[in-house]
Amino acid sequence: MLHIKSARYVSDYILWVAFDDGTDGKIDIKNELKGPVFEPLKDVAIFSKVAVDPELETVVWPNGADFAPEFLKELYQKQNQQVA
């Protein structure tokens, strides 16, 4: 099972995320902020308050929004294939 070891706000809607499989890098979340729980994250002041839940080991925000590590890893891989 994949887990997130650390995450930090970079800029706009970009996070830097380190996975427990050794992968790390930037992920742009902007196009994933859909639905009521993610709506508040469109405010960068709230989005920047990202943290890693120590029990679930995924990224979370104070309003209860979160993304599964597997989803973030897939998004990371898609975005890095586009760059390469």
N, C-alpha and C. Protein backbone atom coordinates (compact mmCIF):
# COMPACT_ATOMS: atom_id res chain seq x y z
N MET A 1 0.84 -1.18 0.00
CA MET A 1 0.00 0.00 0.00
C MET A 1 0.89 1.25 0.00
N LEU A 2 0.55 2.19 -0.84
CA LEU A 2 1.33 3.42 -1.01
C LEU A 2 0.98 4.44 0.07
N HIS A 3 1.99 5.14 0.57
CA HIS A 3 1.78 6.18 1.59
C HIS A 3 2.57 7.42 1.22
N ILE A 4 2.16 8.53 1.78
CA ILE A 4 2.86 9.80 1.58
C ILE A 4 3.67 10.10 2.83
N LYS A 5 4.95 10.33 2.63
CA LYS A 5 5.85 10.61 3.76
C LYS A 5 5.88 12.09 4.09
N SER A 6 5.83 12.96 3.06
CA SER A 6 5.81 14.40 3.31
C SER A 6 5.18 15.12 2.13
N ALA A 7 4.69 16.31 2.42
CA ALA A 7 4.07 17.14 1.39
C ALA A 7 4.20 18.59 1.81
N ARG A 8 4.37 19.44 0.82
CA ARG A 8 4.42 20.88 1.13
C ARG A 8 3.85 21.67 -0.04
N TYR A 9 3.35 22.82 0.28
CA TYR A 9 2.82 23.76 -0.71
C TYR A 9 4.00 24.37 -1.46
N VAL A 10 3.90 24.46 -2.79
CA VAL A 10 4.95 25.07 -3.60
C VAL A 10 4.48 26.44 -4.08
N SER A 11 3.42 26.47 -4.89
CA SER A 11 2.85 27.72 -5.39
C SER A 11 1.53 27.40 -6.08
N ASP A 12 0.71 28.41 -6.27
CA ASP A 12 -0.59 28.24 -6.92
C ASP A 12 -1.27 26.97 -6.38
N TYR A 13 -1.45 25.96 -7.24
CA TYR A 13 -2.10 24.71 -6.82
C TYR A 13 -1.13 23.55 -6.98
N ILE A 14 0.13 23.83 -6.74
CA ILE A 14 1.18 22.83 -6.89
C ILE A 14 1.70 22.40 -5.52
N LEU A 15 1.78 21.08 -5.35
CA LEU A 15 2.34 20.49 -4.14
C LEU A 15 3.61 19.74 -4.49
N TRP A 16 4.54 19.68 -3.54
CA TRP A 16 5.66 18.77 -3.64
C TRP A 16 5.33 17.63 -2.69
N VAL A 17 5.38 16.40 -3.21
CA VAL A 17 4.97 15.23 -2.44
C VAL A 17 6.07 14.17 -2.50
N ALA A 18 6.36 13.54 -1.35
CA ALA A 18 7.29 12.41 -1.29
C ALA A 18 6.51 11.17 -0.89
N PHE A 19 6.60 10.14 -1.74
CA PHE A 19 5.93 8.87 -1.48
C PHE A 19 6.90 7.91 -0.79
N ASP A 20 6.35 6.90 -0.11
CA ASP A 20 7.21 5.96 0.60
C ASP A 20 7.91 4.97 -0.33
N ASP A 21 7.65 5.03 -1.64
CA ASP A 21 8.38 4.17 -2.59
C ASP A 21 9.62 4.88 -3.15
N GLY A 22 9.93 6.06 -2.61
CA GLY A 22 11.11 6.80 -3.04
C GLY A 22 10.83 7.86 -4.10
N THR A 23 9.64 7.86 -4.68
CA THR A 23 9.26 8.86 -5.67
C THR A 23 8.96 10.18 -4.98
N ASP A 24 9.38 11.29 -5.56
CA ASP A 24 8.98 12.60 -5.05
C ASP A 24 8.99 13.60 -6.19
N GLY A 25 8.22 14.66 -6.03
CA GLY A 25 8.18 15.70 -7.04
C GLY A 25 6.93 16.54 -6.94
N LYS A 26 6.81 17.45 -7.89
CA LYS A 26 5.69 18.39 -7.91
C LYS A 26 4.47 17.77 -8.60
N ILE A 27 3.30 18.12 -8.05
CA ILE A 27 2.03 17.68 -8.62
C ILE A 27 1.11 18.90 -8.68
N ASP A 28 0.55 19.18 -9.85
CA ASP A 28 -0.40 20.27 -10.02
C ASP A 28 -1.80 19.71 -9.79
N ILE A 29 -2.47 20.21 -8.76
CA ILE A 29 -3.77 19.69 -8.35
C ILE A 29 -4.94 20.53 -8.89
N LYS A 30 -4.63 21.63 -9.56
CA LYS A 30 -5.65 22.60 -9.96
C LYS A 30 -6.88 21.98 -10.62
N ASN A 31 -6.69 21.09 -11.58
CA ASN A 31 -7.83 20.52 -12.31
C ASN A 31 -8.58 19.44 -11.54
N GLU A 32 -8.12 19.13 -10.34
CA GLU A 32 -8.76 18.07 -9.53
C GLU A 32 -9.65 18.64 -8.43
N LEU A 33 -9.73 19.95 -8.33
CA LEU A 33 -10.50 20.59 -7.24
C LEU A 33 -11.97 20.71 -7.63
N LYS A 34 -12.63 19.57 -7.72
CA LYS A 34 -14.04 19.52 -8.12
C LYS A 34 -14.87 18.94 -6.99
N GLY A 35 -16.05 19.49 -6.80
CA GLY A 35 -16.95 18.99 -5.77
C GLY A 35 -16.90 19.85 -4.52
N PRO A 36 -17.93 19.72 -3.69
CA PRO A 36 -18.09 20.59 -2.52
C PRO A 36 -16.92 20.57 -1.54
N VAL A 37 -16.32 19.42 -1.27
CA VAL A 37 -15.24 19.38 -0.28
C VAL A 37 -13.97 20.04 -0.81
N PHE A 38 -13.78 20.07 -2.14
CA PHE A 38 -12.59 20.66 -2.71
C PHE A 38 -12.76 22.13 -3.09
N GLU A 39 -13.99 22.61 -3.15
CA GLU A 39 -14.27 24.00 -3.53
C GLU A 39 -13.48 25.01 -2.68
N PRO A 40 -13.43 24.86 -1.35
CA PRO A 40 -12.67 25.82 -0.54
C PRO A 40 -11.18 25.87 -0.88
N LEU A 41 -10.64 24.77 -1.45
CA LEU A 41 -9.22 24.73 -1.77
C LEU A 41 -8.85 25.59 -2.97
N LYS A 42 -9.86 26.09 -3.68
CA LYS A 42 -9.59 27.01 -4.78
C LYS A 42 -9.05 28.34 -4.27
N ASP A 43 -9.22 28.59 -2.97
CA ASP A 43 -8.60 29.74 -2.31
C ASP A 43 -7.19 29.30 -1.92
N VAL A 44 -6.18 29.90 -2.57
CA VAL A 44 -4.80 29.48 -2.35
C VAL A 44 -4.40 29.58 -0.87
N ALA A 45 -4.98 30.51 -0.14
CA ALA A 45 -4.67 30.65 1.28
C ALA A 45 -5.06 29.37 2.04
N ILE A 46 -6.14 28.74 1.63
CA ILE A 46 -6.57 27.48 2.25
C ILE A 46 -5.78 26.32 1.66
N PHE A 47 -5.61 26.31 0.33
CA PHE A 47 -4.87 25.24 -0.33
C PHE A 47 -3.46 25.09 0.25
N SER A 48 -2.84 26.21 0.59
CA SER A 48 -1.46 26.19 1.09
C SER A 48 -1.33 25.56 2.48
N LYS A 49 -2.45 25.27 3.13
CA LYS A 49 -2.42 24.68 4.47
C LYS A 49 -2.38 23.15 4.43
N VAL A 50 -1.88 22.61 3.34
CA VAL A 50 -1.78 21.15 3.18
C VAL A 50 -0.92 20.55 4.28
N ALA A 51 -1.27 19.33 4.68
CA ALA A 51 -0.50 18.59 5.69
C ALA A 51 -0.57 17.11 5.34
N VAL A 52 0.24 16.32 6.03
CA VAL A 52 0.16 14.87 5.89
C VAL A 52 -0.48 14.32 7.15
N ASP A 53 -1.57 13.58 6.98
CA ASP A 53 -2.22 12.94 8.12
C ASP A 53 -1.31 11.82 8.62
N PRO A 54 -0.88 11.87 9.88
CA PRO A 54 0.08 10.86 10.37
C PRO A 54 -0.50 9.44 10.44
N GLU A 55 -1.79 9.33 10.57
CA GLU A 55 -2.41 8.01 10.64
C GLU A 55 -2.72 7.45 9.25
N LEU A 56 -3.32 8.28 8.39
CA LEU A 56 -3.70 7.84 7.05
C LEU A 56 -2.55 7.93 6.05
N GLU A 57 -1.56 8.74 6.36
CA GLU A 57 -0.40 8.98 5.49
C GLU A 57 -0.81 9.40 4.08
N THR A 58 -1.68 10.40 4.03
CA THR A 58 -2.07 11.04 2.78
C THR A 58 -2.16 12.54 3.02
N VAL A 59 -2.30 13.32 1.92
CA VAL A 59 -2.40 14.76 2.09
C VAL A 59 -3.81 15.13 2.52
N VAL A 60 -3.90 16.09 3.43
CA VAL A 60 -5.18 16.53 3.96
C VAL A 60 -5.15 18.04 4.13
N TRP A 61 -6.34 18.61 4.24
CA TRP A 61 -6.50 20.03 4.51
C TRP A 61 -7.42 20.20 5.71
N PRO A 62 -7.36 21.38 6.35
CA PRO A 62 -8.17 21.60 7.56
C PRO A 62 -9.68 21.41 7.36
N ASN A 63 -10.18 21.59 6.13
CA ASN A 63 -11.63 21.45 5.92
C ASN A 63 -12.04 19.98 5.73
N GLY A 64 -11.10 19.04 5.82
CA GLY A 64 -11.42 17.63 5.69
C GLY A 64 -11.17 17.04 4.32
N ALA A 65 -10.79 17.87 3.35
CA ALA A 65 -10.48 17.38 2.00
C ALA A 65 -9.19 16.56 2.05
N ASP A 66 -9.14 15.53 1.22
CA ASP A 66 -7.92 14.74 1.09
C ASP A 66 -7.87 14.06 -0.27
N PHE A 67 -6.69 13.60 -0.64
CA PHE A 67 -6.51 12.82 -1.86
C PHE A 67 -5.77 11.55 -1.50
N ALA A 68 -6.20 10.43 -2.05
CA ALA A 68 -5.55 9.15 -1.82
C ALA A 68 -4.15 9.15 -2.43
N PRO A 69 -3.19 8.51 -1.76
CA PRO A 69 -1.83 8.45 -2.31
C PRO A 69 -1.79 7.85 -3.71
N GLU A 70 -2.59 6.83 -3.97
CA GLU A 70 -2.59 6.19 -5.29
C GLU A 70 -3.04 7.17 -6.37
N PHE A 71 -4.05 7.99 -6.05
CA PHE A 71 -4.53 8.99 -7.00
C PHE A 71 -3.43 10.01 -7.29
N LEU A 72 -2.76 10.47 -6.24
CA LEU A 72 -1.70 11.46 -6.40
C LEU A 72 -0.52 10.89 -7.19
N LYS A 73 -0.19 9.63 -6.96
CA LYS A 73 0.92 8.99 -7.69
C LYS A 73 0.58 8.88 -9.17
N GLU A 74 -0.66 8.50 -9.47
CA GLU A 74 -1.09 8.40 -10.87
C GLU A 74 -1.03 9.77 -11.54
N LEU A 75 -1.50 10.80 -10.84
CA LEU A 75 -1.47 12.16 -11.36
C LEU A 75 -0.02 12.61 -11.58
N TYR A 76 0.84 12.32 -10.63
CA TYR A 76 2.26 12.65 -10.74
C TYR A 76 2.86 12.00 -12.00
N GLN A 77 2.57 10.72 -12.20
CA GLN A 77 3.12 10.00 -13.35
C GLN A 77 2.60 10.58 -14.66
N LYS A 78 1.32 10.91 -14.73
CA LYS A 78 0.74 11.50 -15.95
C LYS A 78 1.41 12.85 -16.26
N GLN A 79 1.57 13.67 -15.24
CA GLN A 79 2.14 15.00 -15.44
C GLN A 79 3.60 14.93 -15.83
N ASN A 80 4.33 13.96 -15.31
CA ASN A 80 5.74 13.85 -15.65
C ASN A 80 5.96 13.21 -17.01
N GLN A 81 5.03 12.41 -17.48
CA GLN A 81 5.13 11.87 -18.84
C GLN A 81 4.94 12.98 -19.85
N GLN A 82 4.08 13.96 -19.52
CA GLN A 82 3.84 15.09 -20.43
C GLN A 82 5.07 15.96 -20.55
N VAL A 83 5.84 16.07 -19.47
CA VAL A 83 7.03 16.91 -19.44
C VAL A 83 8.17 16.25 -20.21
N ALA A 84 8.28 14.94 -20.08
CA ALA A 84 9.42 14.21 -20.67
C ALA A 84 9.42 14.24 -22.18
